N, C-alpha and C. Protein backbone atom coordinates (compact mmCIF):
# COMPACT_ATOMS: atom_id res chain seq x y z
N MET A 1 109.13 65.05 214.19
CA MET A 1 110.08 65.26 215.58
C MET A 1 108.87 65.49 217.01
N GLU A 2 109.72 65.04 217.79
CA GLU A 2 108.44 64.80 218.75
C GLU A 2 108.87 65.91 219.64
N ARG A 3 107.12 66.64 220.62
CA ARG A 3 107.82 67.47 221.03
C ARG A 3 107.79 66.91 222.42
N LYS A 4 108.85 68.06 222.78
CA LYS A 4 109.36 68.01 224.49
C LYS A 4 108.40 68.89 225.34
N LEU A 5 108.34 68.51 226.83
CA LEU A 5 107.37 69.14 227.53
C LEU A 5 108.22 69.58 228.57
N ILE A 6 108.64 70.62 229.47
CA ILE A 6 109.36 71.37 230.66
C ILE A 6 108.87 71.31 231.62
N LEU A 7 108.22 71.01 232.22
CA LEU A 7 107.59 70.98 233.67
C LEU A 7 108.71 71.66 235.00
N GLU A 8 107.97 72.32 235.33
CA GLU A 8 108.63 73.11 236.72
C GLU A 8 107.89 72.68 237.81
N MET A 9 108.92 71.98 238.84
CA MET A 9 108.27 71.63 240.03
C MET A 9 109.16 71.76 241.38
N ASP A 10 109.04 71.68 242.59
CA ASP A 10 110.00 71.44 243.79
C ASP A 10 109.83 69.89 243.70
N SER A 11 110.66 69.56 244.80
CA SER A 11 111.10 68.62 245.24
C SER A 11 109.35 67.92 245.63
N TYR A 12 108.63 68.29 246.11
CA TYR A 12 107.84 67.51 247.17
C TYR A 12 106.64 67.32 245.52
N ASP A 13 106.40 68.20 244.93
CA ASP A 13 105.91 67.70 243.66
C ASP A 13 106.55 66.61 242.82
N ARG A 14 107.81 67.14 242.92
CA ARG A 14 108.66 65.54 242.33
C ARG A 14 107.98 63.99 243.17
N ASN A 15 108.54 64.42 244.30
CA ASN A 15 107.96 63.05 245.01
C ASN A 15 106.82 62.56 244.87
N ILE A 16 105.52 63.89 244.64
CA ILE A 16 104.52 63.34 244.35
C ILE A 16 103.89 62.27 242.96
N LEU A 17 105.02 63.05 241.80
CA LEU A 17 104.69 61.82 240.91
C LEU A 17 105.47 61.02 240.56
N LEU A 18 106.33 60.58 241.42
CA LEU A 18 107.27 59.47 241.81
C LEU A 18 105.95 58.27 242.09
N ASN A 19 105.74 58.81 243.57
CA ASN A 19 104.92 58.08 244.20
C ASN A 19 103.96 57.49 243.05
N ALA A 20 102.89 58.67 242.68
CA ALA A 20 102.00 58.12 241.88
C ALA A 20 102.57 57.29 240.71
N LEU A 21 103.84 57.35 239.90
CA LEU A 21 104.18 56.48 239.22
C LEU A 21 104.56 54.89 239.65
N ASN A 22 105.45 54.86 240.81
CA ASN A 22 105.24 53.57 241.23
C ASN A 22 104.06 53.03 241.61
N ASP A 23 103.14 53.44 242.16
CA ASP A 23 101.34 53.19 242.44
C ASP A 23 101.05 52.47 241.27
N LEU A 24 101.35 52.99 240.02
CA LEU A 24 100.66 52.36 239.08
C LEU A 24 101.90 50.86 238.41
N ARG A 25 103.18 51.41 238.40
CA ARG A 25 104.16 50.19 238.18
C ARG A 25 103.43 49.21 239.15
N THR A 26 102.81 49.61 240.33
CA THR A 26 102.68 48.34 241.22
C THR A 26 101.27 47.70 240.53
N LYS A 27 100.61 48.71 240.15
CA LYS A 27 99.16 47.93 239.76
C LYS A 27 99.21 47.19 238.31
N GLN A 28 100.16 47.45 237.39
CA GLN A 28 100.37 47.02 236.67
C GLN A 28 101.09 45.66 236.72
N ILE A 29 102.13 45.82 237.15
CA ILE A 29 102.84 44.27 237.86
C ILE A 29 101.70 43.64 238.50
N ARG A 30 100.62 43.94 238.99
CA ARG A 30 99.93 43.03 240.06
C ARG A 30 99.09 42.39 238.57
N GLU A 31 98.31 43.16 237.69
CA GLU A 31 97.15 42.71 236.34
C GLU A 31 98.00 42.21 235.84
N GLY A 32 99.88 41.76 235.85
CA GLY A 32 100.20 40.80 234.31
C GLY A 32 101.19 42.02 233.40
N LEU A 33 100.60 43.20 233.64
CA LEU A 33 100.86 44.48 232.38
C LEU A 33 101.99 44.77 232.11
N PRO A 34 103.17 44.84 231.03
CA PRO A 34 104.08 45.33 231.10
C PRO A 34 104.23 46.73 231.59
N THR A 35 105.49 46.90 232.45
CA THR A 35 105.76 47.93 233.50
C THR A 35 107.10 49.07 232.69
N ASP A 36 107.32 48.74 230.84
CA ASP A 36 108.46 49.28 230.22
C ASP A 36 107.91 50.96 230.57
N PRO A 37 107.33 51.42 229.98
CA PRO A 37 106.87 52.79 229.49
C PRO A 37 106.64 53.49 230.91
N VAL A 38 106.04 52.91 232.33
CA VAL A 38 106.15 53.57 233.52
C VAL A 38 107.33 53.87 233.78
N ASP A 39 108.26 52.08 233.52
CA ASP A 39 110.03 52.52 234.15
C ASP A 39 110.66 53.39 233.54
N GLU A 40 110.22 53.92 232.45
CA GLU A 40 111.22 54.53 231.68
C GLU A 40 111.12 56.45 232.14
N LEU A 41 109.70 56.28 232.13
CA LEU A 41 109.34 57.67 232.82
C LEU A 41 109.97 58.11 233.60
N MET A 42 109.62 57.14 234.99
CA MET A 42 110.26 56.77 235.92
C MET A 42 112.25 57.63 236.12
N VAL A 43 112.45 56.51 235.07
CA VAL A 43 114.03 57.05 234.90
C VAL A 43 114.29 58.52 234.88
N LYS A 44 113.69 59.08 233.50
CA LYS A 44 113.95 60.01 232.96
C LYS A 44 113.47 61.29 234.05
N LEU A 45 112.16 61.04 234.94
CA LEU A 45 112.32 61.92 236.66
C LEU A 45 112.98 61.26 236.99
N TYR A 46 113.77 60.55 237.91
CA TYR A 46 115.19 60.52 238.47
C TYR A 46 116.33 61.12 237.65
N GLU A 47 116.87 61.32 236.45
CA GLU A 47 117.82 61.37 236.20
C GLU A 47 117.38 63.13 235.22
N ALA A 48 116.73 63.28 235.81
CA ALA A 48 116.65 65.30 235.29
C ALA A 48 116.67 65.74 235.86
N LYS A 49 117.76 66.83 235.02
CA LYS A 49 118.22 68.01 235.75
C LYS A 49 117.66 68.93 236.33
N GLN A 50 118.30 69.13 237.46
CA GLN A 50 117.45 69.99 238.89
C GLN A 50 118.14 71.60 238.75
N LYS A 51 117.64 72.54 238.22
CA LYS A 51 118.07 74.23 238.00
C LYS A 51 117.44 74.65 239.34
N ARG A 52 118.49 75.21 239.39
CA ARG A 52 118.46 76.75 240.70
C ARG A 52 118.26 77.84 239.94
N PHE A 53 117.23 78.98 240.52
CA PHE A 53 116.94 80.07 239.71
C PHE A 53 115.78 80.84 240.58
N LEU A 54 116.45 82.02 240.67
CA LEU A 54 115.57 83.21 241.11
C LEU A 54 114.28 83.28 240.55
N VAL A 55 113.66 83.94 241.10
CA VAL A 55 112.10 84.51 240.29
C VAL A 55 112.05 85.84 240.93
N SER A 56 111.84 86.83 240.01
CA SER A 56 111.28 87.69 240.37
C SER A 56 110.05 88.41 240.65
N GLU A 57 109.88 88.75 242.12
CA GLU A 57 108.67 89.54 242.18
C GLU A 57 107.94 90.26 241.06
N ALA A 58 108.41 90.54 240.02
CA ALA A 58 107.73 91.51 238.81
C ALA A 58 107.36 90.52 238.18
N CYS A 59 108.02 89.56 237.95
CA CYS A 59 107.82 88.77 236.45
C CYS A 59 106.67 87.65 237.51
N HIS A 60 106.59 87.45 238.95
CA HIS A 60 105.10 85.89 239.21
C HIS A 60 104.39 87.16 239.71
N GLU A 61 104.33 88.24 239.39
CA GLU A 61 102.93 89.27 239.21
C GLU A 61 102.49 89.19 238.05
N HIS A 62 103.48 89.57 237.27
CA HIS A 62 103.06 89.27 235.80
C HIS A 62 101.95 87.93 235.67
N TYR A 63 102.12 86.91 235.79
CA TYR A 63 102.02 85.42 235.57
C TYR A 63 100.26 84.93 236.32
N ARG A 64 99.88 86.01 237.25
CA ARG A 64 98.88 86.03 238.08
C ARG A 64 97.54 86.40 237.84
């Protein structure tokens, strides 16, 4: 069974990741390398469900 990783990020972080993946994809195209793995990851990121939730201050302080 493949392990899954869940990342918590805001829209700013998500855009940074998408831009970095797009830069990698562009580089691979220039070098004639396949872009399939990067494409699949970008699609996963675009299609990821966005959840809204509240984090209490007590919970936040616990992880500092």
